[in-house]
Amino acid sequence: MWEEPIYNLNRIIRLQAVFEIITNQTATALDLLADQSTQMRNAVFQHRMVLDYLLAEEGGVCGKLNDSNCCLQIDDNGKVVKQITKGIRKLAHVPVQTWKGWEWDMFSWLPGGLWVKQILFFLLCAIAALIFLPCMIPCLVQLIQHVIKGMQVVAMPADPETATKGQRIMSLQTITKQKRTRRRKSSQ
């Protein structure tokens, strides 16, 4: 079943948050275990020192157990585990993302520095204009001719009296034309 993209995006964001929480909790648990391991190592060394002191007359713990290879060595891996958990937290952490608007540079696809990009952009615009201008000029000429043919030129006299007489003459001409058309229709 197809879901909307925003739904899928929300699911991804939710999974990312859950993953970050689980990773942080795991890192915290590992830190606690590393601390406990360091404390246990220190306690074991302290107890060994006390036992060696108490059994010093008999050769220490090794003399008491008749063991010639009785070296006590406990590696302290707590610092290494702490560094690993720090790296895990860094990997899992996703910083808060905020919308900063569109950050688009119209020259970013052009090679070279900023001034080279600007020169190339203006050259491309000039070439495009030279290509499309010959196609557009005949269309513009035809459009202007069509508009001029459709226009009616009306000359109005500057004298208001002449204008009213002209209107009377125009209305008389219209009436006579109407009478002529009526006579023709009635004679037919």
Protein backbone atom coordinates (compact mmCIF):
# COMPACT_ATOMS: atom_id res chain seq x y z
CA MET A 1 0.00 0.00 0.00
CA TRP A 2 1.38 3.40 -1.00
CA GLU A 3 1.64 5.96 1.76
CA GLU A 4 2.09 9.67 1.40
CA PRO A 5 5.71 10.92 1.45
CA ILE A 6 5.17 13.05 4.57
CA TYR A 7 3.92 9.96 6.42
CA ASN A 8 7.07 8.06 5.42
CA LEU A 9 9.24 11.01 6.41
CA ASN A 10 7.61 11.12 9.84
CA ARG A 11 8.21 7.38 10.23
CA ILE A 12 11.90 7.82 9.37
CA ILE A 13 12.23 10.68 11.85
CA ARG A 14 10.53 8.56 14.54
CA LEU A 15 12.85 5.60 13.83
CA GLN A 16 15.83 7.94 13.98
CA ALA A 17 14.72 9.24 17.40
CA VAL A 18 14.15 5.69 18.71
CA PHE A 19 17.55 4.63 17.40
CA GLU A 20 19.20 7.59 19.14
CA ILE A 21 17.47 6.79 22.43
CA ILE A 22 18.44 3.11 22.28
CA THR A 23 22.03 3.98 21.39
CA ASN A 24 22.31 6.47 24.24
CA GLN A 25 20.86 3.96 26.72
CA THR A 26 23.28 1.26 25.51
CA ALA A 27 26.21 3.66 25.80
CA THR A 28 25.11 4.57 29.34
CA ALA A 29 24.95 0.88 30.27
CA LEU A 30 28.42 0.28 28.85
CA ASP A 31 29.75 3.30 30.77
CA LEU A 32 28.30 1.91 34.00
CA LEU A 33 29.85 -1.51 33.33
CA ALA A 34 33.22 0.12 32.57
CA ASP A 35 33.03 2.10 35.83
CA GLN A 36 32.13 -1.06 37.74
CA SER A 37 34.98 -2.95 36.09
CA THR A 38 37.48 -0.24 37.09
CA GLN A 39 36.19 -0.26 40.66
CA MET A 40 36.40 -4.07 40.83
CA ARG A 41 39.97 -3.99 39.46
CA ASN A 42 40.99 -1.47 42.12
CA ALA A 43 39.29 -3.53 44.86
CA VAL A 44 41.03 -6.73 43.71
CA PHE A 45 44.43 -5.00 43.74
CA GLN A 46 43.76 -3.62 47.21
CA HIS A 47 42.76 -7.05 48.49
CA ARG A 48 45.83 -8.62 46.89
CA MET A 49 48.08 -6.03 48.56
CA VAL A 50 46.48 -6.75 51.93
CA LEU A 51 46.84 -10.50 51.44
CA ASP A 52 50.47 -10.11 50.40
CA TYR A 53 51.09 -7.99 53.51
CA LEU A 54 49.39 -10.47 55.81
CA LEU A 55 51.16 -13.44 54.22
CA ALA A 56 54.54 -11.73 53.86
CA GLU A 57 56.24 -14.18 56.31
CA GLU A 58 55.15 -17.10 54.12
CA GLY A 59 56.16 -15.42 50.83
CA GLY A 60 52.93 -13.65 50.12
CA VAL A 61 49.98 -15.20 48.30
CA CYS A 62 52.22 -16.90 45.75
CA GLY A 63 54.40 -18.47 48.48
CA LYS A 64 51.36 -19.67 50.38
CA LEU A 65 49.92 -21.29 47.20
CA ASN A 66 53.34 -22.63 46.07
CA ASP A 67 52.79 -21.06 42.64
CA SER A 68 55.82 -19.68 40.82
CA ASN A 69 53.78 -17.89 38.14
CA CYS A 70 51.53 -15.95 40.45
CA CYS A 71 51.47 -12.56 38.77
CA LEU A 72 48.21 -10.68 39.13
CA GLN A 73 47.41 -8.63 36.04
CA ILE A 74 44.00 -7.13 35.37
CA ASP A 75 43.83 -4.85 32.35
CA ASP A 76 42.00 -1.57 32.79
CA ASN A 77 39.80 -1.34 29.70
CA GLY A 78 37.41 1.16 31.25
CA LYS A 79 38.98 4.13 29.45
CA VAL A 80 38.80 2.36 26.11
CA VAL A 81 35.14 1.46 26.66
CA LYS A 82 34.39 5.09 27.61
CA GLN A 83 36.01 6.30 24.37
CA ILE A 84 33.99 3.80 22.36
CA THR A 85 30.73 4.87 24.01
CA LYS A 86 31.61 8.52 23.35
CA GLY A 87 32.03 7.65 19.66
CA ILE A 88 28.73 5.74 19.68
CA ARG A 89 26.91 8.75 21.11
CA LYS A 90 28.50 11.04 18.56
CA LEU A 91 27.46 8.71 15.74
CA ALA A 92 23.87 8.35 16.92
CA HIS A 93 23.30 12.01 17.73
CA VAL A 94 21.46 13.98 15.07
CA PRO A 95 21.57 17.71 15.68
CA VAL A 96 18.33 19.66 15.65
CA GLN A 97 17.59 20.72 12.12
CA THR A 98 15.91 24.04 11.47
CA TRP A 99 14.54 25.50 8.28
CA LYS A 100 16.78 28.29 7.03
CA GLY A 101 14.88 29.00 3.84
CA TRP A 102 15.99 28.32 0.31
CA GLU A 103 19.72 28.53 -0.01
CA TRP A 104 20.13 28.37 -3.75
CA ASP A 105 22.92 29.94 -5.74
CA MET A 106 21.94 30.36 -9.37
CA PHE A 107 25.61 30.19 -10.38
CA SER A 108 26.43 27.01 -8.42
CA TRP A 109 26.25 24.75 -11.48
CA LEU A 110 28.82 26.81 -13.38
CA PRO A 111 32.55 26.02 -13.06
CA GLY A 112 35.12 28.48 -11.72
CA GLY A 113 35.08 31.41 -9.30
CA LEU A 114 32.20 33.82 -8.73
CA TRP A 115 33.20 36.35 -11.39
CA VAL A 116 33.78 33.56 -13.94
CA LYS A 117 30.35 32.16 -13.12
CA GLN A 118 28.70 35.55 -13.62
CA ILE A 119 30.42 36.11 -16.97
CA LEU A 120 29.44 32.62 -18.16
CA PHE A 121 25.85 33.18 -17.03
CA PHE A 122 25.52 36.45 -18.94
CA LEU A 123 27.12 34.89 -22.04
CA LEU A 124 24.61 32.05 -21.91
CA CYS A 125 21.75 34.57 -21.59
CA ALA A 126 23.07 36.54 -24.60
CA ILE A 127 23.35 33.39 -26.72
CA ALA A 128 19.81 32.37 -25.78
CA ALA A 129 18.54 35.85 -26.71
CA LEU A 130 20.33 35.70 -30.10
CA ILE A 131 18.78 32.32 -30.79
CA PHE A 132 15.20 33.26 -29.87
CA LEU A 133 15.14 36.88 -31.10
CA PRO A 134 14.99 36.02 -34.86
CA CYS A 135 12.04 33.76 -34.12
CA MET A 136 10.22 36.39 -32.11
CA ILE A 137 10.63 39.39 -34.48
CA PRO A 138 8.29 38.07 -37.23
CA CYS A 139 5.71 37.16 -34.60
CA LEU A 140 5.86 40.66 -33.10
CA VAL A 141 5.58 42.31 -36.56
CA GLN A 142 2.54 40.21 -37.42
CA LEU A 143 0.95 41.00 -34.05
CA ILE A 144 1.45 44.74 -34.52
CA GLN A 145 -0.02 44.60 -38.06
CA HIS A 146 -3.04 42.67 -36.83
CA VAL A 147 -3.66 45.16 -34.04
CA ILE A 148 -3.35 48.14 -36.42
CA LYS A 149 -5.83 46.60 -38.91
CA GLY A 150 -8.34 46.06 -36.15
CA MET A 151 -8.13 49.63 -34.89
CA GLN A 152 -10.59 52.36 -36.04
CA VAL A 153 -9.20 55.83 -36.44
CA VAL A 154 -11.71 58.47 -35.30
CA ALA A 155 -10.90 62.12 -35.79
CA MET A 156 -12.79 64.53 -33.55
CA PRO A 157 -12.80 68.20 -34.37
CA ALA A 158 -11.55 70.58 -31.74
CA ASP A 159 -14.61 72.89 -32.07
CA PRO A 160 -17.59 71.64 -30.01
CA GLU A 161 -20.14 73.13 -32.43
CA THR A 162 -18.63 71.27 -35.33
CA ALA A 163 -18.60 68.13 -33.27
CA THR A 164 -22.32 68.34 -32.61
CA LYS A 165 -23.05 69.05 -36.29
CA GLY A 166 -20.86 66.12 -37.20
CA GLN A 167 -22.79 63.92 -34.86
CA ARG A 168 -26.04 65.14 -36.42
CA ILE A 169 -24.72 64.42 -39.89
CA MET A 170 -23.63 60.93 -38.75
CA SER A 171 -27.04 60.23 -37.24
CA LEU A 172 -28.82 61.49 -40.43
CA GLN A 173 -26.62 59.24 -42.56
CA THR A 174 -27.46 56.30 -40.35
CA ILE A 175 -31.20 57.03 -40.61
CA THR A 176 -31.07 57.30 -44.40
CA LYS A 177 -29.19 53.99 -44.63
CA GLN A 178 -31.84 52.34 -42.46
CA LYS A 179 -34.63 53.73 -44.70
CA ARG A 180 -32.91 52.47 -47.84
CA THR A 181 -32.56 48.97 -46.42
CA ARG A 182 -36.24 48.95 -45.41
CA ARG A 183 -37.34 50.04 -48.92
CA ARG A 184 -35.24 47.33 -50.52
CA LYS A 185 -36.72 44.69 -48.25
CA SER A 186 -40.29 45.86 -48.90
CA SER A 187 -39.79 45.98 -52.69
CA GLN A 188 -38.56 42.44 -52.79
